[in-house]
Amino acid sequence: MSSPASTTAAREWSFVLHPQERPTEEQSDQFDHADALAGGEIGWEEDPDCTYFPCTVSSPHLEDALSWAVARLEELGVKTDRIEMRPFV
């Protein structure tokens, strides 16, 4: 796993990244073979209305997990518009 690491105890952060624009067909084809998504921390799903990227990233800090995932998508030319998280319980 290549997610952010530290000496502080890590936890699993779950969130969904929504791209600024729907990825092109060429970008979508790259997702299946992209090293940036190969670790399994970032998935991708499409429906007729949108594309989104569900993420589960192990990191001691939420900010590190978010920035790591956003950077992986940027490597593929996908800019993030918003991040969605479930409320903490």
Protein backbone atom coordinates (compact mmCIF):
# COMPACT_ATOMS: atom_id res chain seq x y z
CA MET A 1 0.00 0.00 0.00
CA SER A 2 1.32 3.39 -0.90
CA SER A 3 -1.03 5.56 1.15
CA PRO A 4 0.42 8.12 3.54
CA ALA A 5 2.38 6.60 6.39
CA SER A 6 3.56 7.90 9.76
CA THR A 7 4.58 6.69 13.18
CA THR A 8 1.17 7.78 14.52
CA ALA A 9 -1.49 5.06 14.55
CA ALA A 10 -3.36 5.05 11.24
CA ARG A 11 -7.07 4.67 10.73
CA GLU A 12 -9.17 3.95 7.68
CA TRP A 13 -10.74 7.08 6.18
CA SER A 14 -13.65 6.58 3.77
CA PHE A 15 -14.82 9.30 1.42
CA VAL A 16 -15.92 9.89 -2.17
CA LEU A 17 -14.16 12.19 -4.63
CA HIS A 18 -16.28 13.86 -7.32
CA PRO A 19 -14.44 15.13 -10.40
CA GLN A 20 -14.87 18.63 -11.82
CA GLU A 21 -15.79 17.11 -15.18
CA ARG A 22 -16.84 13.66 -16.23
CA PRO A 23 -13.66 11.84 -17.30
CA THR A 24 -13.23 11.31 -21.03
CA GLU A 25 -13.60 7.84 -22.50
CA GLU A 26 -9.81 7.73 -22.90
CA GLN A 27 -9.28 8.57 -19.21
CA SER A 28 -11.88 5.99 -18.17
CA ASP A 29 -10.03 3.33 -20.18
CA GLN A 30 -6.80 4.25 -18.33
CA PHE A 31 -8.37 3.72 -14.89
CA ASP A 32 -8.36 -0.07 -15.28
CA HIS A 33 -4.57 -0.10 -15.74
CA ALA A 34 -3.44 2.97 -13.79
CA ASP A 35 -0.71 2.50 -11.18
CA ALA A 36 -2.30 5.37 -9.23
CA LEU A 37 -5.40 3.22 -8.68
CA ALA A 38 -3.73 -0.20 -8.51
CA GLY A 39 -3.45 -0.32 -4.71
CA GLY A 40 -7.21 -0.53 -4.29
CA GLU A 41 -7.52 2.55 -2.06
CA ILE A 42 -9.32 4.44 -4.83
CA GLY A 43 -12.10 2.89 -6.85
CA TRP A 44 -14.17 4.36 -9.63
CA GLU A 45 -17.78 3.99 -10.55
CA GLU A 46 -19.86 5.31 -13.40
CA ASP A 47 -23.57 5.65 -13.86
CA PRO A 48 -25.51 7.47 -16.58
CA ASP A 49 -25.35 10.75 -14.65
CA CYS A 50 -21.84 10.89 -13.22
CA THR A 51 -18.53 9.31 -12.36
CA TYR A 52 -17.21 9.19 -8.80
CA PHE A 53 -14.29 7.73 -6.91
CA PRO A 54 -15.00 5.93 -3.60
CA CYS A 55 -11.87 5.88 -1.43
CA THR A 56 -10.69 4.07 1.68
CA VAL A 57 -7.25 5.33 2.68
CA SER A 58 -5.21 4.36 5.72
CA SER A 59 -3.58 7.39 7.32
CA PRO A 60 -3.16 8.92 10.78
CA HIS A 61 -4.72 12.20 9.61
CA LEU A 62 -7.75 12.94 7.46
CA GLU A 63 -6.00 15.78 5.63
CA ASP A 64 -3.17 13.46 4.58
CA ALA A 65 -5.62 10.83 3.31
CA LEU A 66 -7.58 13.40 1.30
CA SER A 67 -4.54 15.09 -0.24
CA TRP A 68 -3.00 11.71 -1.12
CA ALA A 69 -6.16 10.56 -2.95
CA VAL A 70 -6.65 13.89 -4.75
CA ALA A 71 -3.01 13.77 -5.91
CA ARG A 72 -3.47 10.23 -7.31
CA LEU A 73 -6.40 11.41 -9.44
CA GLU A 74 -4.45 14.47 -10.59
CA GLU A 75 -1.77 12.06 -11.87
CA LEU A 76 -4.47 10.79 -14.23
CA GLY A 77 -5.53 14.29 -15.27
CA VAL A 78 -8.69 14.27 -13.13
CA LYS A 79 -9.30 17.35 -10.99
CA THR A 80 -11.49 17.01 -7.90
CA ASP A 81 -14.53 19.26 -7.54
CA ARG A 82 -15.79 18.09 -4.15
CA ILE A 83 -15.28 15.50 -1.44
CA GLU A 84 -18.16 13.73 0.26
CA MET A 85 -17.92 12.04 3.66
CA ARG A 86 -20.44 10.42 5.94
CA PRO A 87 -20.84 12.20 9.27
CA PHE A 88 -18.69 10.91 12.12
CA VAL A 89 -20.57 8.95 14.74
